[in-house]
Amino acid sequence: MSAIIYTVLKEFFVEIHGHPVKARIMSPINDENTFTFQVSSYFKNSSEKDANIPASTFTSYANAERHLLGYLEAFQNTLDLGGDVAQGVNF
């Protein structure tokens, strides 16, 4: 399996209930029509033991950004309702 090198297009730094969360939107350098995002922490609902880890690729930057911002909003809402933070990607 060959390595995939990504270009970081945008980084976000937010604080959710005192937890710093980094997020980035990336695209493989050899495919300008594929976008993905990753976050440094994930959220867990109070009723679920597994973290809600996003795993999607998008065909436009706007869709990737919209889904990332939606994920961060869901993160905030989950912590508002008593959810937990799980460690994610270290970057």
N, C-alpha and C. Protein backbone atom coordinates (compact mmCIF):
# COMPACT_ATOMS: atom_id res chain seq x y z
N MET A 1 0.85 -1.17 0.00
CA MET A 1 0.00 0.00 0.00
C MET A 1 0.90 1.24 0.00
N SER A 2 0.63 2.16 -0.88
CA SER A 2 1.45 3.37 -0.96
C SER A 2 0.94 4.43 0.01
N ALA A 3 1.83 5.29 0.41
CA ALA A 3 1.47 6.39 1.32
C ALA A 3 0.71 7.47 0.56
N ILE A 4 -0.20 8.12 1.26
CA ILE A 4 -0.95 9.23 0.67
C ILE A 4 -0.51 10.51 1.37
N ILE A 5 -0.07 11.48 0.60
CA ILE A 5 0.36 12.76 1.15
C ILE A 5 -0.77 13.76 0.96
N TYR A 6 -1.14 14.44 2.05
CA TYR A 6 -2.24 15.39 2.02
C TYR A 6 -1.73 16.83 2.11
N THR A 7 -2.49 17.72 1.51
CA THR A 7 -2.29 19.15 1.68
C THR A 7 -3.33 19.63 2.67
N VAL A 8 -2.88 20.35 3.71
CA VAL A 8 -3.82 20.91 4.68
C VAL A 8 -4.32 22.24 4.10
N LEU A 9 -5.62 22.32 3.88
CA LEU A 9 -6.20 23.50 3.26
C LEU A 9 -6.65 24.54 4.29
N LYS A 10 -7.11 24.08 5.43
CA LYS A 10 -7.58 25.01 6.45
C LYS A 10 -7.52 24.32 7.80
N GLU A 11 -7.12 25.06 8.84
CA GLU A 11 -7.12 24.53 10.20
C GLU A 11 -8.01 25.39 11.08
N PHE A 12 -8.72 24.73 11.98
CA PHE A 12 -9.57 25.39 12.95
C PHE A 12 -9.07 25.04 14.34
N PHE A 13 -9.14 25.98 15.25
CA PHE A 13 -8.83 25.74 16.65
C PHE A 13 -10.01 26.28 17.45
N VAL A 14 -10.73 25.39 18.12
CA VAL A 14 -11.89 25.80 18.90
C VAL A 14 -11.77 25.24 20.30
N GLU A 15 -12.48 25.85 21.23
CA GLU A 15 -12.55 25.34 22.59
C GLU A 15 -14.00 25.02 22.88
N ILE A 16 -14.25 23.77 23.25
CA ILE A 16 -15.60 23.31 23.54
C ILE A 16 -15.64 22.85 24.98
N HIS A 17 -16.35 23.59 25.81
CA HIS A 17 -16.44 23.30 27.25
C HIS A 17 -15.06 23.13 27.87
N GLY A 18 -14.15 23.99 27.50
CA GLY A 18 -12.80 23.95 28.07
C GLY A 18 -11.87 22.93 27.43
N HIS A 19 -12.35 22.20 26.44
CA HIS A 19 -11.52 21.21 25.75
C HIS A 19 -11.04 21.80 24.42
N PRO A 20 -9.73 21.96 24.24
CA PRO A 20 -9.24 22.47 22.96
C PRO A 20 -9.40 21.39 21.88
N VAL A 21 -9.96 21.77 20.77
CA VAL A 21 -10.16 20.84 19.65
C VAL A 21 -9.56 21.46 18.40
N LYS A 22 -8.64 20.73 17.78
CA LYS A 22 -8.08 21.15 16.50
C LYS A 22 -8.79 20.38 15.41
N ALA A 23 -9.01 21.04 14.30
CA ALA A 23 -9.64 20.38 13.15
C ALA A 23 -8.97 20.89 11.90
N ARG A 24 -8.92 20.04 10.89
CA ARG A 24 -8.32 20.46 9.62
C ARG A 24 -9.05 19.82 8.45
N ILE A 25 -9.09 20.57 7.36
CA ILE A 25 -9.62 20.07 6.10
C ILE A 25 -8.42 19.81 5.19
N MET A 26 -8.39 18.62 4.58
CA MET A 26 -7.24 18.21 3.79
C MET A 26 -7.68 17.65 2.44
N SER A 27 -6.73 17.61 1.54
CA SER A 27 -6.95 17.01 0.22
C SER A 27 -5.66 16.29 -0.19
N PRO A 28 -5.77 15.09 -0.77
CA PRO A 28 -4.56 14.42 -1.27
C PRO A 28 -3.91 15.27 -2.36
N ILE A 29 -2.58 15.32 -2.38
CA ILE A 29 -1.91 16.19 -3.34
C ILE A 29 -2.12 15.74 -4.78
N ASN A 30 -2.44 14.47 -4.99
CA ASN A 30 -2.63 13.98 -6.36
C ASN A 30 -4.10 13.91 -6.77
N ASP A 31 -5.01 14.40 -5.92
CA ASP A 31 -6.44 14.34 -6.24
C ASP A 31 -7.12 15.60 -5.73
N GLU A 32 -7.30 16.57 -6.59
CA GLU A 32 -7.86 17.85 -6.17
C GLU A 32 -9.38 17.83 -6.06
N ASN A 33 -10.01 16.68 -6.28
CA ASN A 33 -11.46 16.56 -6.17
C ASN A 33 -11.89 15.73 -4.97
N THR A 34 -10.97 15.46 -4.05
CA THR A 34 -11.28 14.70 -2.85
C THR A 34 -10.86 15.51 -1.64
N PHE A 35 -11.78 15.62 -0.67
CA PHE A 35 -11.53 16.38 0.54
C PHE A 35 -11.97 15.56 1.75
N THR A 36 -11.26 15.72 2.84
CA THR A 36 -11.62 15.04 4.08
C THR A 36 -11.27 15.96 5.24
N PHE A 37 -11.75 15.62 6.42
CA PHE A 37 -11.36 16.39 7.59
C PHE A 37 -11.05 15.44 8.73
N GLN A 38 -10.26 15.92 9.67
CA GLN A 38 -9.98 15.16 10.88
C GLN A 38 -9.98 16.12 12.06
N VAL A 39 -10.27 15.58 13.23
CA VAL A 39 -10.31 16.38 14.45
C VAL A 39 -9.42 15.73 15.50
N SER A 40 -8.95 16.53 16.45
CA SER A 40 -8.03 16.02 17.46
C SER A 40 -8.73 15.34 18.62
N SER A 41 -10.04 15.53 18.76
CA SER A 41 -10.83 14.86 19.80
C SER A 41 -12.18 14.49 19.22
N TYR A 42 -12.78 13.49 19.80
CA TYR A 42 -14.09 13.03 19.37
C TYR A 42 -15.07 13.16 20.52
N PHE A 43 -16.35 13.09 20.23
CA PHE A 43 -17.34 13.14 21.30
C PHE A 43 -18.05 11.80 21.44
N LYS A 44 -18.50 11.51 22.67
CA LYS A 44 -19.26 10.30 22.97
C LYS A 44 -20.57 10.72 23.61
N ASN A 45 -21.67 10.20 23.10
CA ASN A 45 -22.97 10.44 23.74
C ASN A 45 -22.98 9.72 25.08
N SER A 46 -23.78 10.21 25.99
CA SER A 46 -23.84 9.59 27.32
C SER A 46 -24.41 8.17 27.25
N SER A 47 -25.14 7.84 26.18
CA SER A 47 -25.74 6.51 26.07
C SER A 47 -24.91 5.54 25.22
N GLU A 48 -23.79 6.01 24.66
CA GLU A 48 -22.96 5.16 23.81
C GLU A 48 -21.55 5.07 24.37
N LYS A 49 -20.96 3.89 24.26
CA LYS A 49 -19.60 3.73 24.77
C LYS A 49 -18.54 4.09 23.74
N ASP A 50 -18.89 4.05 22.45
CA ASP A 50 -17.92 4.35 21.38
C ASP A 50 -18.01 5.82 20.98
N ALA A 51 -16.87 6.36 20.61
CA ALA A 51 -16.82 7.76 20.18
C ALA A 51 -17.41 7.91 18.78
N ASN A 52 -17.96 9.08 18.50
CA ASN A 52 -18.51 9.42 17.19
C ASN A 52 -17.36 9.94 16.33
N ILE A 53 -16.76 9.05 15.55
CA ILE A 53 -15.59 9.39 14.75
C ILE A 53 -16.01 9.60 13.30
N PRO A 54 -15.82 10.81 12.78
CA PRO A 54 -16.21 11.06 11.38
C PRO A 54 -15.27 10.35 10.42
N ALA A 55 -15.81 9.75 9.39
CA ALA A 55 -14.99 9.07 8.40
C ALA A 55 -15.66 9.20 7.03
N SER A 56 -15.48 10.33 6.40
CA SER A 56 -16.10 10.56 5.10
C SER A 56 -15.16 11.34 4.21
N THR A 57 -15.31 11.14 2.93
CA THR A 57 -14.61 11.97 1.96
C THR A 57 -15.68 12.71 1.15
N PHE A 58 -15.32 13.87 0.66
CA PHE A 58 -16.25 14.73 -0.04
C PHE A 58 -15.65 15.14 -1.38
N THR A 59 -16.52 15.50 -2.31
CA THR A 59 -16.06 15.88 -3.65
C THR A 59 -15.90 17.38 -3.80
N SER A 60 -16.22 18.14 -2.75
CA SER A 60 -16.00 19.59 -2.82
C SER A 60 -15.55 20.10 -1.46
N TYR A 61 -14.77 21.15 -1.49
CA TYR A 61 -14.28 21.77 -0.26
C TYR A 61 -15.46 22.27 0.57
N ALA A 62 -16.45 22.86 -0.07
CA ALA A 62 -17.61 23.42 0.65
C ALA A 62 -18.35 22.34 1.43
N ASN A 63 -18.51 21.16 0.84
CA ASN A 63 -19.17 20.07 1.57
C ASN A 63 -18.35 19.61 2.75
N ALA A 64 -17.04 19.49 2.57
CA ALA A 64 -16.18 19.08 3.67
C ALA A 64 -16.25 20.09 4.81
N GLU A 65 -16.21 21.38 4.46
CA GLU A 65 -16.26 22.42 5.50
C GLU A 65 -17.62 22.41 6.20
N ARG A 66 -18.69 22.25 5.46
CA ARG A 66 -20.02 22.23 6.06
C ARG A 66 -20.17 21.05 7.02
N HIS A 67 -19.67 19.86 6.62
CA HIS A 67 -19.75 18.70 7.50
C HIS A 67 -18.86 18.85 8.73
N LEU A 68 -17.69 19.46 8.55
CA LEU A 68 -16.82 19.70 9.70
C LEU A 68 -17.49 20.64 10.70
N LEU A 69 -18.05 21.74 10.21
CA LEU A 69 -18.72 22.68 11.11
C LEU A 69 -19.94 22.03 11.77
N GLY A 70 -20.64 21.17 11.04
CA GLY A 70 -21.75 20.41 11.63
C GLY A 70 -21.27 19.46 12.71
N TYR A 71 -20.11 18.83 12.48
CA TYR A 71 -19.54 17.92 13.48
C TYR A 71 -19.18 18.70 14.74
N LEU A 72 -18.56 19.87 14.59
CA LEU A 72 -18.19 20.68 15.75
C LEU A 72 -19.42 21.15 16.51
N GLU A 73 -20.49 21.47 15.79
CA GLU A 73 -21.74 21.85 16.46
C GLU A 73 -22.34 20.67 17.22
N ALA A 74 -22.31 19.48 16.61
CA ALA A 74 -22.80 18.28 17.30
C ALA A 74 -21.94 17.97 18.52
N PHE A 75 -20.64 18.23 18.43
CA PHE A 75 -19.72 18.05 19.55
C PHE A 75 -20.18 18.94 20.72
N GLN A 76 -20.41 20.22 20.42
CA GLN A 76 -20.88 21.17 21.43
C GLN A 76 -22.20 20.72 22.05
N ASN A 77 -23.15 20.34 21.20
CA ASN A 77 -24.46 19.91 21.69
C ASN A 77 -24.37 18.66 22.55
N THR A 78 -23.51 17.73 22.17
CA THR A 78 -23.35 16.50 22.95
C THR A 78 -22.80 16.80 24.33
N LEU A 79 -21.80 17.68 24.41
CA LEU A 79 -21.26 18.02 25.73
C LEU A 79 -22.27 18.81 26.55
N ASP A 80 -23.09 19.63 25.88
CA ASP A 80 -24.16 20.35 26.58
C ASP A 80 -25.12 19.37 27.25
N LEU A 81 -25.33 18.22 26.62
CA LEU A 81 -26.28 17.23 27.13
C LEU A 81 -25.61 16.15 27.99
N GLY A 82 -24.36 16.38 28.40
CA GLY A 82 -23.70 15.44 29.31
C GLY A 82 -22.82 14.41 28.67
N GLY A 83 -22.50 14.56 27.40
CA GLY A 83 -21.59 13.62 26.74
C GLY A 83 -20.15 13.79 27.20
N ASP A 84 -19.29 12.96 26.68
CA ASP A 84 -17.87 12.94 27.06
C ASP A 84 -16.99 13.20 25.87
N VAL A 85 -15.72 13.51 26.15
CA VAL A 85 -14.71 13.72 25.12
C VAL A 85 -13.80 12.50 25.08
N ALA A 86 -13.51 12.02 23.88
CA ALA A 86 -12.58 10.91 23.69
C ALA A 86 -11.39 11.44 22.90
N GLN A 87 -10.22 10.92 23.21
CA GLN A 87 -9.03 11.31 22.46
C GLN A 87 -9.16 10.88 21.01
N GLY A 88 -8.67 11.69 20.13
CA GLY A 88 -8.74 11.40 18.72
C GLY A 88 -7.36 11.33 18.11
N VAL A 89 -7.17 12.06 17.04
CA VAL A 89 -5.92 12.08 16.30
C VAL A 89 -4.97 13.08 16.97
N ASN A 90 -3.75 12.69 17.18
CA ASN A 90 -2.75 13.63 17.71
C ASN A 90 -1.99 14.23 16.55
N PHE A 91 -2.16 15.53 16.39
CA PHE A 91 -1.43 16.25 15.33
C PHE A 91 -1.14 17.66 15.79
